[in-house]
Amino acid sequence: MKTTKSSNWIKAAVTRAVRTFAQTAIATMGTTALITQINWTVVISTSAVAGVLSILTSLAGLPEVQEDATGEGE
């Protein structure tokens, strides 16, 4: 049962991190006028940091993974 709880948390945290990565990449690319001027190193590194920060923030809790009275997720 605990494996299911952990896998639910991992799935939710990874989903959030991927969304954050994509949103940051789009925002970073959006600051450039032409696609040929995009600094891909900056886009990837900035997005990766945002993804890692998303995972760290998820450690505080995820509303998608409800907790019961014991503090454990569904």
PDB file of N, CA and C in Angstrom:
ATOM      1  N   MET A   1       0.821  -1.191   0.000  1.00  0.00           N
ATOM      2  CA  MET A   1       0.000   0.000   0.000  1.00  0.00           C
ATOM      3  C   MET A   1       0.865   1.254   0.000  1.00  0.00           C
ATOM      4  N   LYS A   2       1.945   1.234   0.766  1.00  0.00           N
ATOM      5  CA  LYS A   2       2.822   2.391   0.825  1.00  0.00           C
ATOM      6  C   LYS A   2       3.472   2.656  -0.535  1.00  0.00           C
ATOM      7  N   THR A   3       3.733   1.600  -1.310  1.00  0.00           N
ATOM      8  CA  THR A   3       4.305   1.762  -2.639  1.00  0.00           C
ATOM      9  C   THR A   3       3.367   2.565  -3.532  1.00  0.00           C
ATOM     10  N   THR A   4       2.078   2.304  -3.420  1.00  0.00           N
ATOM     11  CA  THR A   4       1.091   3.057  -4.197  1.00  0.00           C
ATOM     12  C   THR A   4       1.109   4.519  -3.786  1.00  0.00           C
ATOM     13  N   LYS A   5       1.207   4.784  -2.496  1.00  0.00           N
ATOM     14  CA  LYS A   5       1.257   6.158  -2.000  1.00  0.00           C
ATOM     15  C   LYS A   5       2.490   6.873  -2.527  1.00  0.00           C
ATOM     16  N   SER A   6       3.616   6.190  -2.490  1.00  0.00           N
ATOM     17  CA  SER A   6       4.855   6.775  -2.986  1.00  0.00           C
ATOM     18  C   SER A   6       4.797   7.001  -4.486  1.00  0.00           C
ATOM     19  N   SER A   7       4.245   6.044  -5.219  1.00  0.00           N
ATOM     20  CA  SER A   7       4.184   6.198  -6.664  1.00  0.00           C
ATOM     21  C   SER A   7       3.227   7.321  -7.054  1.00  0.00           C
ATOM     22  N   ASN A   8       2.145   7.519  -6.288  1.00  0.00           N
ATOM     23  CA  ASN A   8       1.242   8.648  -6.547  1.00  0.00           C
ATOM     24  C   ASN A   8       1.972   9.968  -6.357  1.00  0.00           C
ATOM     25  N   TRP A   9       2.771  10.064  -5.293  1.00  0.00           N
ATOM     26  CA  TRP A   9       3.516  11.292  -5.030  1.00  0.00           C
ATOM     27  C   TRP A   9       4.552  11.530  -6.131  1.00  0.00           C
ATOM     28  N   ILE A  10       5.272  10.490  -6.493  1.00  0.00           N
ATOM     29  CA  ILE A  10       6.299  10.618  -7.534  1.00  0.00           C
ATOM     30  C   ILE A  10       5.667  11.054  -8.851  1.00  0.00           C
ATOM     31  N   LYS A  11       4.560  10.434  -9.215  1.00  0.00           N
ATOM     32  CA  LYS A  11       3.881  10.791 -10.460  1.00  0.00           C
ATOM     33  C   LYS A  11       3.445  12.258 -10.442  1.00  0.00           C
ATOM     34  N   ALA A  12       2.852  12.704  -9.343  1.00  0.00           N
ATOM     35  CA  ALA A  12       2.398  14.094  -9.235  1.00  0.00           C
ATOM     36  C   ALA A  12       3.577  15.066  -9.248  1.00  0.00           C
ATOM     37  N   ALA A  13       4.650  14.736  -8.538  1.00  0.00           N
ATOM     38  CA  ALA A  13       5.817  15.614  -8.474  1.00  0.00           C
ATOM     39  C   ALA A  13       6.512  15.718  -9.833  1.00  0.00           C
ATOM     40  N   VAL A  14       6.636  14.596 -10.528  1.00  0.00           N
ATOM     41  CA  VAL A  14       7.277  14.612 -11.846  1.00  0.00           C
ATOM     42  C   VAL A  14       6.419  15.378 -12.850  1.00  0.00           C
ATOM     43  N   THR A  15       5.107  15.195 -12.777  1.00  0.00           N
ATOM     44  CA  THR A  15       4.205  15.933 -13.667  1.00  0.00           C
ATOM     45  C   THR A  15       4.368  17.430 -13.464  1.00  0.00           C
ATOM     46  N   ARG A  16       4.411  17.865 -12.207  1.00  0.00           N
ATOM     47  CA  ARG A  16       4.608  19.286 -11.918  1.00  0.00           C
ATOM     48  C   ARG A  16       5.963  19.771 -12.413  1.00  0.00           C
ATOM     49  N   ALA A  17       7.009  18.973 -12.207  1.00  0.00           N
ATOM     50  CA  ALA A  17       8.354  19.377 -12.623  1.00  0.00           C
ATOM     51  C   ALA A  17       8.452  19.504 -14.141  1.00  0.00           C
ATOM     52  N   VAL A  18       7.831  18.574 -14.859  1.00  0.00           N
ATOM     53  CA  VAL A  18       7.859  18.635 -16.327  1.00  0.00           C
ATOM     54  C   VAL A  18       7.107  19.868 -16.820  1.00  0.00           C
ATOM     55  N   ARG A  19       5.966  20.144 -16.226  1.00  0.00           N
ATOM     56  CA  ARG A  19       5.207  21.339 -16.606  1.00  0.00           C
ATOM     57  C   ARG A  19       6.007  22.604 -16.318  1.00  0.00           C
ATOM     58  N   THR A  20       6.647  22.653 -15.164  1.00  0.00           N
ATOM     59  CA  THR A  20       7.458  23.812 -14.805  1.00  0.00           C
ATOM     60  C   THR A  20       8.620  23.972 -15.784  1.00  0.00           C
ATOM     61  N   PHE A  21       9.272  22.859 -16.128  1.00  0.00           N
ATOM     62  CA  PHE A  21      10.378  22.876 -17.089  1.00  0.00           C
ATOM     63  C   PHE A  21       9.897  23.460 -18.415  1.00  0.00           C
ATOM     64  N   ALA A  22       8.768  22.955 -18.911  1.00  0.00           N
ATOM     65  CA  ALA A  22       8.251  23.407 -20.207  1.00  0.00           C
ATOM     66  C   ALA A  22       7.854  24.883 -20.170  1.00  0.00           C
ATOM     67  N   GLN A  23       7.189  25.303 -19.104  1.00  0.00           N
ATOM     68  CA  GLN A  23       6.776  26.697 -18.991  1.00  0.00           C
ATOM     69  C   GLN A  23       7.987  27.632 -18.939  1.00  0.00           C
ATOM     70  N   THR A  24       9.011  27.218 -18.204  1.00  0.00           N
ATOM     71  CA  THR A  24      10.219  28.038 -18.112  1.00  0.00           C
ATOM     72  C   THR A  24      10.938  28.096 -19.453  1.00  0.00           C
ATOM     73  N   ALA A  25      10.994  26.965 -20.152  1.00  0.00           N
ATOM     74  CA  ALA A  25      11.644  26.946 -21.474  1.00  0.00           C
ATOM     75  C   ALA A  25      10.917  27.878 -22.437  1.00  0.00           C
ATOM     76  N   ILE A  26       9.605  27.811 -22.447  1.00  0.00           N
ATOM     77  CA  ILE A  26       8.824  28.673 -23.341  1.00  0.00           C
ATOM     78  C   ILE A  26       9.016  30.143 -22.979  1.00  0.00           C
ATOM     79  N   ALA A  27       8.996  30.443 -21.699  1.00  0.00           N
ATOM     80  CA  ALA A  27       9.193  31.832 -21.273  1.00  0.00           C
ATOM     81  C   ALA A  27      10.586  32.335 -21.627  1.00  0.00           C
ATOM     82  N   THR A  28      11.592  31.484 -21.451  1.00  0.00           N
ATOM     83  CA  THR A  28      12.964  31.879 -21.777  1.00  0.00           C
ATOM     84  C   THR A  28      13.126  32.078 -23.277  1.00  0.00           C
ATOM     85  N   MET A  29      12.551  31.199 -24.079  1.00  0.00           N
ATOM     86  CA  MET A  29      12.631  31.340 -25.532  1.00  0.00           C
ATOM     87  C   MET A  29      11.842  32.558 -25.995  1.00  0.00           C
ATOM     88  N   GLY A  30      10.783  32.865 -25.298  1.00  0.00           N
ATOM     89  CA  GLY A  30       9.941  33.988 -25.676  1.00  0.00           C
ATOM     90  C   GLY A  30      10.603  35.339 -25.537  1.00  0.00           C
ATOM     91  N   THR A  31      11.706  35.396 -24.826  1.00  0.00           N
ATOM     92  CA  THR A  31      12.422  36.658 -24.661  1.00  0.00           C
ATOM     93  C   THR A  31      13.357  36.950 -25.830  1.00  0.00           C
ATOM     94  N   THR A  32      13.445  36.013 -26.786  1.00  0.00           N
ATOM     95  CA  THR A  32      14.312  36.162 -27.955  1.00  0.00           C
ATOM     96  C   THR A  32      13.461  36.466 -29.186  1.00  0.00           C
ATOM     97  N   ALA A  33      13.947  37.370 -30.015  1.00  0.00           N
ATOM     98  CA  ALA A  33      13.188  37.785 -31.195  1.00  0.00           C
ATOM     99  C   ALA A  33      13.144  36.699 -32.270  1.00  0.00           C
ATOM    100  N   LEU A  34      14.248  36.044 -32.535  1.00  0.00           N
ATOM    101  CA  LEU A  34      14.318  35.032 -33.589  1.00  0.00           C
ATOM    102  C   LEU A  34      14.787  33.702 -33.011  1.00  0.00           C
ATOM    103  N   ILE A  35      14.263  32.609 -33.558  1.00  0.00           N
ATOM    104  CA  ILE A  35      14.640  31.289 -33.056  1.00  0.00           C
ATOM    105  C   ILE A  35      16.136  31.020 -33.234  1.00  0.00           C
ATOM    106  N   THR A  36      16.741  31.628 -34.233  1.00  0.00           N
ATOM    107  CA  THR A  36      18.181  31.425 -34.448  1.00  0.00           C
ATOM    108  C   THR A  36      19.016  32.133 -33.387  1.00  0.00           C
ATOM    109  N   GLN A  37      18.404  33.042 -32.645  1.00  0.00           N
ATOM    110  CA  GLN A  37      19.129  33.776 -31.610  1.00  0.00           C
ATOM    111  C   GLN A  37      18.985  33.147 -30.223  1.00  0.00           C
ATOM    112  N   ILE A  38      18.241  32.059 -30.127  1.00  0.00           N
ATOM    113  CA  ILE A  38      18.015  31.431 -28.822  1.00  0.00           C
ATOM    114  C   ILE A  38      19.316  30.803 -28.319  1.00  0.00           C
ATOM    115  N   ASN A  39      19.656  31.109 -27.098  1.00  0.00           N
ATOM    116  CA  ASN A  39      20.805  30.495 -26.442  1.00  0.00           C
ATOM    117  C   ASN A  39      20.278  29.243 -25.740  1.00  0.00           C
ATOM    118  N   TRP A  40      20.428  28.088 -26.399  1.00  0.00           N
ATOM    119  CA  TRP A  40      19.843  26.857 -25.898  1.00  0.00           C
ATOM    120  C   TRP A  40      20.444  26.413 -24.577  1.00  0.00           C
ATOM    121  N   THR A  41      21.687  26.757 -24.336  1.00  0.00           N
ATOM    122  CA  THR A  41      22.318  26.415 -23.058  1.00  0.00           C
ATOM    123  C   THR A  41      21.598  27.115 -21.914  1.00  0.00           C
ATOM    124  N   VAL A  42      21.283  28.376 -22.115  1.00  0.00           N
ATOM    125  CA  VAL A  42      20.560  29.144 -21.093  1.00  0.00           C
ATOM    126  C   VAL A  42      19.152  28.592 -20.910  1.00  0.00           C
ATOM    127  N   VAL A  43      18.472  28.287 -22.003  1.00  0.00           N
ATOM    128  CA  VAL A  43      17.106  27.755 -21.923  1.00  0.00           C
ATOM    129  C   VAL A  43      17.080  26.454 -21.137  1.00  0.00           C
ATOM    130  N   ILE A  44      17.958  25.523 -21.494  1.00  0.00           N
ATOM    131  CA  ILE A  44      17.972  24.209 -20.836  1.00  0.00           C
ATOM    132  C   ILE A  44      18.396  24.317 -19.375  1.00  0.00           C
ATOM    133  N   SER A  45      19.444  25.083 -19.099  1.00  0.00           N
ATOM    134  CA  SER A  45      19.920  25.172 -17.714  1.00  0.00           C
ATOM    135  C   SER A  45      18.914  25.889 -16.815  1.00  0.00           C
ATOM    136  N   THR A  46      18.306  26.955 -17.312  1.00  0.00           N
ATOM    137  CA  THR A  46      17.304  27.673 -16.525  1.00  0.00           C
ATOM    138  C   THR A  46      16.093  26.775 -16.271  1.00  0.00           C
ATOM    139  N   SER A  47      15.662  26.064 -17.289  1.00  0.00           N
ATOM    140  CA  SER A  47      14.514  25.166 -17.154  1.00  0.00           C
ATOM    141  C   SER A  47      14.814  24.008 -16.216  1.00  0.00           C
ATOM    142  N   ALA A  48      16.029  23.485 -16.277  1.00  0.00           N
ATOM    143  CA  ALA A  48      16.421  22.391 -15.381  1.00  0.00           C
ATOM    144  C   ALA A  48      16.412  22.841 -13.927  1.00  0.00           C
ATOM    145  N   VAL A  49      16.919  24.031 -13.665  1.00  0.00           N
ATOM    146  CA  VAL A  49      16.899  24.565 -12.299  1.00  0.00           C
ATOM    147  C   VAL A  49      15.457  24.732 -11.821  1.00  0.00           C
ATOM    148  N   ALA A  50      14.583  25.230 -12.690  1.00  0.00           N
ATOM    149  CA  ALA A  50      13.176  25.383 -12.331  1.00  0.00           C
ATOM    150  C   ALA A  50      12.544  24.022 -12.035  1.00  0.00           C
ATOM    151  N   GLY A  51      12.891  23.006 -12.809  1.00  0.00           N
ATOM    152  CA  GLY A  51      12.375  21.658 -12.566  1.00  0.00           C
ATOM    153  C   GLY A  51      12.832  21.091 -11.234  1.00  0.00           C
ATOM    154  N   VAL A  52      14.093  21.291 -10.907  1.00  0.00           N
ATOM    155  CA  VAL A  52      14.632  20.830  -9.615  1.00  0.00           C
ATOM    156  C   VAL A  52      13.949  21.572  -8.465  1.00  0.00           C
ATOM    157  N   LEU A  53      13.772  22.877  -8.610  1.00  0.00           N
ATOM    158  CA  LEU A  53      13.081  23.650  -7.573  1.00  0.00           C
ATOM    159  C   LEU A  53      11.641  23.179  -7.404  1.00  0.00           C
ATOM    160  N   SER A  54      11.002  22.779  -8.491  1.00  0.00           N
ATOM    161  CA  SER A  54       9.646  22.243  -8.409  1.00  0.00           C
ATOM    162  C   SER A  54       9.610  20.959  -7.579  1.00  0.00           C
ATOM    163  N   ILE A  55      10.575  20.077  -7.821  1.00  0.00           N
ATOM    164  CA  ILE A  55      10.652  18.835  -7.033  1.00  0.00           C
ATOM    165  C   ILE A  55      10.880  19.152  -5.563  1.00  0.00           C
ATOM    166  N   LEU A  56      11.787  20.078  -5.275  1.00  0.00           N
ATOM    167  CA  LEU A  56      12.057  20.444  -3.882  1.00  0.00           C
ATOM    168  C   LEU A  56      10.823  21.059  -3.223  1.00  0.00           C
ATOM    169  N   THR A  57      10.097  21.879  -3.958  1.00  0.00           N
ATOM    170  CA  THR A  57       8.867  22.465  -3.431  1.00  0.00           C
ATOM    171  C   THR A  57       7.824  21.382  -3.176  1.00  0.00           C
ATOM    172  N   SER A  58       7.798  20.373  -4.019  1.00  0.00           N
ATOM    173  CA  SER A  58       6.839  19.277  -3.860  1.00  0.00           C
ATOM    174  C   SER A  58       7.082  18.482  -2.582  1.00  0.00           C
ATOM    175  N   LEU A  59       8.290  18.535  -2.054  1.00  0.00           N
ATOM    176  CA  LEU A  59       8.580  17.839  -0.799  1.00  0.00           C
ATOM    177  C   LEU A  59       7.726  18.378   0.348  1.00  0.00           C
ATOM    178  N   ALA A  60       7.305  19.635   0.238  1.00  0.00           N
ATOM    179  CA  ALA A  60       6.461  20.241   1.272  1.00  0.00           C
ATOM    180  C   ALA A  60       5.035  19.719   1.209  1.00  0.00           C
ATOM    181  N   GLY A  61       4.670  19.111   0.102  1.00  0.00           N
ATOM    182  CA  GLY A  61       3.332  18.547  -0.030  1.00  0.00           C
ATOM    183  C   GLY A  61       2.721  18.874  -1.375  1.00  0.00           C
ATOM    184  N   LEU A  62       1.868  17.991  -1.815  1.00  0.00           N
ATOM    185  CA  LEU A  62       1.184  18.161  -3.090  1.00  0.00           C
ATOM    186  C   LEU A  62      -0.316  18.042  -2.858  1.00  0.00           C
ATOM    187  N   PRO A  63      -1.085  19.057  -3.255  1.00  0.00           N
ATOM    188  CA  PRO A  63      -2.530  18.966  -3.071  1.00  0.00           C
ATOM    189  C   PRO A  63      -3.151  17.814  -3.869  1.00  0.00           C
ATOM    190  N   GLU A  64      -2.507  17.410  -4.966  1.00  0.00           N
ATOM    191  CA  GLU A  64      -3.022  16.309  -5.773  1.00  0.00           C
ATOM    192  C   GLU A  64      -2.988  14.978  -5.024  1.00  0.00           C
ATOM    193  N   VAL A  65      -2.067  14.866  -4.076  1.00  0.00           N
ATOM    194  CA  VAL A  65      -1.924  13.643  -3.292  1.00  0.00           C
ATOM    195  C   VAL A  65      -2.467  13.950  -1.908  1.00  0.00           C
ATOM    196  N   GLN A  66      -3.711  13.564  -1.684  1.00  0.00           N
ATOM    197  CA  GLN A  66      -4.365  13.873  -0.412  1.00  0.00           C
ATOM    198  C   GLN A  66      -3.716  13.101   0.717  1.00  0.00           C
ATOM    199  N   GLU A  67      -3.660  13.759   1.862  1.00  0.00           N
ATOM    200  CA  GLU A  67      -3.089  13.109   3.038  1.00  0.00           C
ATOM    201  C   GLU A  67      -4.201  12.723   3.998  1.00  0.00           C
ATOM    202  N   ASP A  68      -4.016  11.576   4.678  1.00  0.00           N
ATOM    203  CA  ASP A  68      -4.980  11.189   5.695  1.00  0.00           C
ATOM    204  C   ASP A  68      -4.509  11.688   7.056  1.00  0.00           C
ATOM    205  N   ALA A  69      -5.151  11.306   8.107  1.00  0.00           N
ATOM    206  CA  ALA A  69      -4.843  11.786   9.449  1.00  0.00           C
ATOM    207  C   ALA A  69      -3.435  11.412   9.903  1.00  0.00           C
ATOM    208  N   THR A  70      -2.833  10.374   9.306  1.00  0.00           N
ATOM    209  CA  THR A  70      -1.487   9.965   9.703  1.00  0.00           C
ATOM    210  C   THR A  70      -0.406  10.747   8.971  1.00  0.00           C
ATOM    211  N   GLY A  71      -0.827  11.613   8.019  1.00  0.00           N
ATOM    212  CA  GLY A  71       0.155  12.380   7.267  1.00  0.00           C
ATOM    213  C   GLY A  71       0.650  11.662   6.036  1.00  0.00           C
ATOM    214  N   GLU A  72       0.049  10.506   5.741  1.00  0.00           N
ATOM    215  CA  GLU A  72       0.453   9.753   4.565  1.00  0.00           C
ATOM    216  C   GLU A  72      -0.538   9.974   3.462  1.00  0.00           C
ATOM    217  N   GLY A  73      -0.074   9.979   2.208  1.00  0.00           N
ATOM    218  CA  GLY A  73      -0.932  10.179   1.052  1.00  0.00           C
ATOM    219  C   GLY A  73      -1.833   8.988   0.792  1.00  0.00           C
ATOM    220  N   GLU A  74      -2.778   9.164  -0.134  1.00  0.00           N
ATOM    221  CA  GLU A  74      -3.702   8.072  -0.488  1.00  0.00           C
ATOM    222  C   GLU A  74      -2.988   6.884  -1.053  1.00  0.00           C
TER     223      GLU A  74
END
